[in-house]
Amino acid sequence: MYDPIKAWTKRDRKINRAGYVLIKVPEHPKNFKGWYYEHRLVIEKQLNRVIEDWETIHHINKDKSDNRLINLFICSRLEHNKAHKE
């Protein structure tokens, strides 16, 4: 069973072309080439579980690099699309 990562401040990080912060976490079960989204790590730490495939994270202030918990909202893809239309 996977235990959510609690600290990643000393890990390699980069920003992808879409503006999302990526963290080097090769041990994460959903990593891609060893990288994973920081905003997902923040929510997973809070929930103490891996995010389900149907769940997505919305950045409330639309700043994809602002991964403070207060700026993140877990929702379905349908809710996420609706939030971007408003």
N, C-alpha and C. Protein backbone atom coordinates (compact mmCIF):
# COMPACT_ATOMS: atom_id res chain seq x y z
N MET A 1 0.84 -1.20 0.00
CA MET A 1 0.00 0.00 0.00
C MET A 1 0.88 1.25 0.00
N TYR A 2 0.49 2.23 -0.77
CA TYR A 2 1.24 3.48 -0.89
C TYR A 2 0.86 4.44 0.21
N ASP A 3 1.85 5.04 0.83
CA ASP A 3 1.66 6.05 1.86
C ASP A 3 1.94 7.42 1.24
N PRO A 4 0.99 8.36 1.26
CA PRO A 4 1.23 9.68 0.65
C PRO A 4 2.50 10.35 1.19
N ILE A 5 3.19 11.02 0.29
CA ILE A 5 4.42 11.72 0.64
C ILE A 5 4.06 12.94 1.49
N LYS A 6 4.75 13.10 2.60
CA LYS A 6 4.44 14.19 3.53
C LYS A 6 5.32 15.42 3.34
N ALA A 7 6.52 15.23 2.78
CA ALA A 7 7.43 16.37 2.60
C ALA A 7 8.19 16.20 1.29
N TRP A 8 8.26 17.25 0.52
CA TRP A 8 8.95 17.19 -0.78
C TRP A 8 9.73 18.46 -1.06
N THR A 9 9.97 19.30 -0.05
CA THR A 9 10.64 20.58 -0.27
C THR A 9 12.08 20.42 -0.74
N LYS A 10 12.74 19.33 -0.41
CA LYS A 10 14.14 19.15 -0.78
C LYS A 10 14.30 18.32 -2.06
N ARG A 11 13.21 18.10 -2.75
CA ARG A 11 13.25 17.32 -3.98
C ARG A 11 13.38 18.23 -5.19
N ASP A 12 13.82 17.63 -6.30
CA ASP A 12 13.90 18.39 -7.55
C ASP A 12 12.51 18.83 -7.96
N ARG A 13 12.42 20.01 -8.55
CA ARG A 13 11.14 20.55 -9.00
C ARG A 13 11.36 21.29 -10.31
N LYS A 14 10.30 21.36 -11.08
CA LYS A 14 10.35 22.12 -12.33
C LYS A 14 8.92 22.54 -12.67
N ILE A 15 8.81 23.48 -13.58
CA ILE A 15 7.50 23.93 -14.05
C ILE A 15 7.35 23.47 -15.49
N ASN A 16 6.25 22.79 -15.78
CA ASN A 16 6.05 22.29 -17.15
C ASN A 16 5.51 23.39 -18.06
N ARG A 17 5.33 23.08 -19.31
CA ARG A 17 4.90 24.09 -20.29
C ARG A 17 3.52 24.66 -19.98
N ALA A 18 2.69 23.88 -19.30
CA ALA A 18 1.34 24.34 -18.95
C ALA A 18 1.35 25.21 -17.70
N GLY A 19 2.49 25.32 -17.01
CA GLY A 19 2.60 26.16 -15.83
C GLY A 19 2.43 25.45 -14.50
N TYR A 20 2.32 24.11 -14.53
CA TYR A 20 2.17 23.34 -13.29
C TYR A 20 3.53 23.00 -12.70
N VAL A 21 3.62 23.00 -11.36
CA VAL A 21 4.84 22.62 -10.67
C VAL A 21 4.89 21.10 -10.58
N LEU A 22 6.01 20.53 -11.02
CA LEU A 22 6.23 19.10 -10.95
C LEU A 22 7.33 18.81 -9.93
N ILE A 23 7.15 17.73 -9.18
CA ILE A 23 8.11 17.31 -8.16
C ILE A 23 8.63 15.93 -8.53
N LYS A 24 9.92 15.70 -8.32
CA LYS A 24 10.54 14.40 -8.60
C LYS A 24 10.16 13.43 -7.47
N VAL A 25 9.24 12.52 -7.76
CA VAL A 25 8.77 11.52 -6.79
C VAL A 25 8.61 10.17 -7.50
N PRO A 26 9.74 9.52 -7.83
CA PRO A 26 9.65 8.26 -8.57
C PRO A 26 8.90 7.15 -7.83
N GLU A 27 8.75 7.28 -6.52
CA GLU A 27 8.04 6.26 -5.75
C GLU A 27 6.53 6.41 -5.79
N HIS A 28 6.05 7.50 -6.36
CA HIS A 28 4.60 7.70 -6.43
C HIS A 28 4.01 6.77 -7.48
N PRO A 29 2.90 6.09 -7.16
CA PRO A 29 2.33 5.12 -8.10
C PRO A 29 1.80 5.73 -9.40
N LYS A 30 1.53 7.02 -9.42
CA LYS A 30 1.01 7.66 -10.63
C LYS A 30 2.02 8.62 -11.26
N ASN A 31 3.29 8.45 -10.95
CA ASN A 31 4.30 9.35 -11.51
C ASN A 31 4.43 9.12 -13.02
N PHE A 32 4.92 10.11 -13.72
CA PHE A 32 5.23 9.98 -15.13
C PHE A 32 6.69 10.36 -15.31
N LYS A 33 7.47 9.36 -15.67
CA LYS A 33 8.93 9.50 -15.81
C LYS A 33 9.54 10.04 -14.52
N GLY A 34 8.96 9.67 -13.37
CA GLY A 34 9.49 10.07 -12.07
C GLY A 34 8.92 11.36 -11.52
N TRP A 35 8.09 12.06 -12.28
CA TRP A 35 7.54 13.36 -11.87
C TRP A 35 6.06 13.26 -11.56
N TYR A 36 5.59 14.17 -10.70
CA TYR A 36 4.17 14.20 -10.33
C TYR A 36 3.81 15.64 -9.96
N TYR A 37 2.56 15.98 -10.13
CA TYR A 37 2.09 17.34 -9.87
C TYR A 37 2.11 17.69 -8.37
N GLU A 38 2.67 18.85 -8.05
CA GLU A 38 2.73 19.28 -6.66
C GLU A 38 1.33 19.51 -6.08
N HIS A 39 0.40 20.08 -6.86
CA HIS A 39 -0.93 20.34 -6.32
C HIS A 39 -1.63 19.04 -5.92
N ARG A 40 -1.35 17.97 -6.63
CA ARG A 40 -1.92 16.67 -6.26
C ARG A 40 -1.28 16.14 -4.97
N LEU A 41 0.02 16.36 -4.82
CA LEU A 41 0.70 15.94 -3.59
C LEU A 41 0.13 16.67 -2.38
N VAL A 42 -0.16 17.96 -2.55
CA VAL A 42 -0.73 18.76 -1.45
C VAL A 42 -2.06 18.17 -1.00
N ILE A 43 -2.93 17.88 -1.96
CA ILE A 43 -4.25 17.33 -1.63
C ILE A 43 -4.13 15.91 -1.08
N GLU A 44 -3.27 15.10 -1.66
CA GLU A 44 -3.08 13.73 -1.18
C GLU A 44 -2.57 13.72 0.27
N LYS A 45 -1.70 14.64 0.58
CA LYS A 45 -1.21 14.75 1.97
C LYS A 45 -2.37 15.07 2.90
N GLN A 46 -3.23 16.00 2.49
CA GLN A 46 -4.37 16.40 3.31
C GLN A 46 -5.36 15.25 3.49
N LEU A 47 -5.64 14.53 2.41
CA LEU A 47 -6.62 13.43 2.45
C LEU A 47 -6.03 12.12 2.96
N ASN A 48 -4.71 12.04 2.98
CA ASN A 48 -3.98 10.83 3.37
C ASN A 48 -4.31 9.65 2.44
N ARG A 49 -4.43 9.97 1.15
CA ARG A 49 -4.69 8.93 0.14
C ARG A 49 -4.33 9.48 -1.24
N VAL A 50 -4.16 8.57 -2.17
CA VAL A 50 -3.91 8.96 -3.56
C VAL A 50 -5.22 9.42 -4.18
N ILE A 51 -5.16 10.42 -5.01
CA ILE A 51 -6.34 10.95 -5.70
C ILE A 51 -6.84 9.90 -6.69
N GLU A 52 -8.14 9.73 -6.71
CA GLU A 52 -8.78 8.78 -7.62
C GLU A 52 -8.70 9.32 -9.06
N ASP A 53 -8.84 8.42 -10.03
CA ASP A 53 -8.76 8.82 -11.44
C ASP A 53 -9.85 9.80 -11.83
N TRP A 54 -11.01 9.72 -11.22
CA TRP A 54 -12.12 10.60 -11.57
C TRP A 54 -12.02 11.97 -10.90
N GLU A 55 -11.11 12.11 -9.95
CA GLU A 55 -10.95 13.37 -9.21
C GLU A 55 -9.93 14.27 -9.91
N THR A 56 -10.15 15.55 -9.82
CA THR A 56 -9.20 16.52 -10.33
C THR A 56 -9.08 17.67 -9.33
N ILE A 57 -8.07 18.50 -9.50
CA ILE A 57 -7.83 19.61 -8.58
C ILE A 57 -7.98 20.92 -9.34
N HIS A 58 -8.74 21.83 -8.76
CA HIS A 58 -8.95 23.15 -9.34
C HIS A 58 -8.15 24.18 -8.55
N HIS A 59 -7.41 25.03 -9.26
CA HIS A 59 -6.72 26.15 -8.63
C HIS A 59 -7.71 27.32 -8.60
N ILE A 60 -8.16 27.68 -7.44
CA ILE A 60 -9.22 28.68 -7.28
C ILE A 60 -8.84 30.01 -7.92
N ASN A 61 -7.60 30.46 -7.70
CA ASN A 61 -7.19 31.76 -8.26
C ASN A 61 -6.61 31.64 -9.67
N LYS A 62 -6.70 30.43 -10.23
CA LYS A 62 -6.25 30.12 -11.60
C LYS A 62 -4.74 30.21 -11.80
N ASP A 63 -3.98 30.40 -10.72
CA ASP A 63 -2.52 30.40 -10.78
C ASP A 63 -2.05 28.96 -10.55
N LYS A 64 -1.62 28.30 -11.61
CA LYS A 64 -1.26 26.88 -11.55
C LYS A 64 -0.02 26.61 -10.70
N SER A 65 0.73 27.64 -10.37
CA SER A 65 1.91 27.45 -9.52
C SER A 65 1.63 27.76 -8.05
N ASP A 66 0.42 28.21 -7.75
CA ASP A 66 0.03 28.52 -6.37
C ASP A 66 -0.61 27.28 -5.76
N ASN A 67 0.20 26.48 -5.10
CA ASN A 67 -0.26 25.19 -4.58
C ASN A 67 -0.51 25.19 -3.08
N ARG A 68 -0.87 26.36 -2.56
CA ARG A 68 -1.27 26.42 -1.15
C ARG A 68 -2.62 25.70 -1.03
N LEU A 69 -2.80 24.99 0.06
CA LEU A 69 -4.02 24.21 0.28
C LEU A 69 -5.26 25.09 0.15
N ILE A 70 -5.19 26.31 0.62
CA ILE A 70 -6.33 27.23 0.57
C ILE A 70 -6.73 27.57 -0.87
N ASN A 71 -5.84 27.36 -1.83
CA ASN A 71 -6.11 27.68 -3.23
C ASN A 71 -6.55 26.46 -4.04
N LEU A 72 -6.63 25.31 -3.40
CA LEU A 72 -6.94 24.08 -4.13
C LEU A 72 -8.30 23.52 -3.75
N PHE A 73 -9.01 23.02 -4.76
CA PHE A 73 -10.34 22.46 -4.55
C PHE A 73 -10.42 21.13 -5.30
N ILE A 74 -10.72 20.06 -4.58
CA ILE A 74 -10.85 18.75 -5.22
C ILE A 74 -12.27 18.61 -5.75
N CYS A 75 -12.38 18.14 -6.98
CA CYS A 75 -13.70 18.05 -7.62
C CYS A 75 -13.68 17.01 -8.74
N SER A 76 -14.83 16.79 -9.33
CA SER A 76 -14.92 15.92 -10.50
C SER A 76 -14.50 16.73 -11.72
N ARG A 77 -14.27 16.06 -12.83
CA ARG A 77 -13.90 16.76 -14.06
C ARG A 77 -15.05 17.66 -14.53
N LEU A 78 -16.27 17.20 -14.36
CA LEU A 78 -17.43 18.00 -14.74
C LEU A 78 -17.49 19.29 -13.92
N GLU A 79 -17.28 19.18 -12.60
CA GLU A 79 -17.26 20.38 -11.74
C GLU A 79 -16.11 21.30 -12.13
N HIS A 80 -14.97 20.70 -12.47
CA HIS A 80 -13.80 21.48 -12.85
C HIS A 80 -14.06 22.26 -14.13
N ASN A 81 -14.65 21.62 -15.11
CA ASN A 81 -14.99 22.30 -16.37
C ASN A 81 -15.97 23.43 -16.11
N LYS A 82 -16.94 23.19 -15.25
CA LYS A 82 -17.94 24.22 -14.91
C LYS A 82 -17.27 25.42 -14.23
N ALA A 83 -16.31 25.16 -13.34
CA ALA A 83 -15.60 26.23 -12.64
C ALA A 83 -14.83 27.11 -13.62
N HIS A 84 -14.31 26.52 -14.68
CA HIS A 84 -13.55 27.31 -15.66
C HIS A 84 -14.46 28.10 -16.59
N LYS A 85 -15.70 27.71 -16.71
CA LYS A 85 -16.63 28.46 -17.55
C LYS A 85 -17.15 29.70 -16.85
N GLU A 86 -17.13 29.70 -15.51
CA GLU A 86 -17.67 30.83 -14.74
C GLU A 86 -16.72 32.00 -14.72
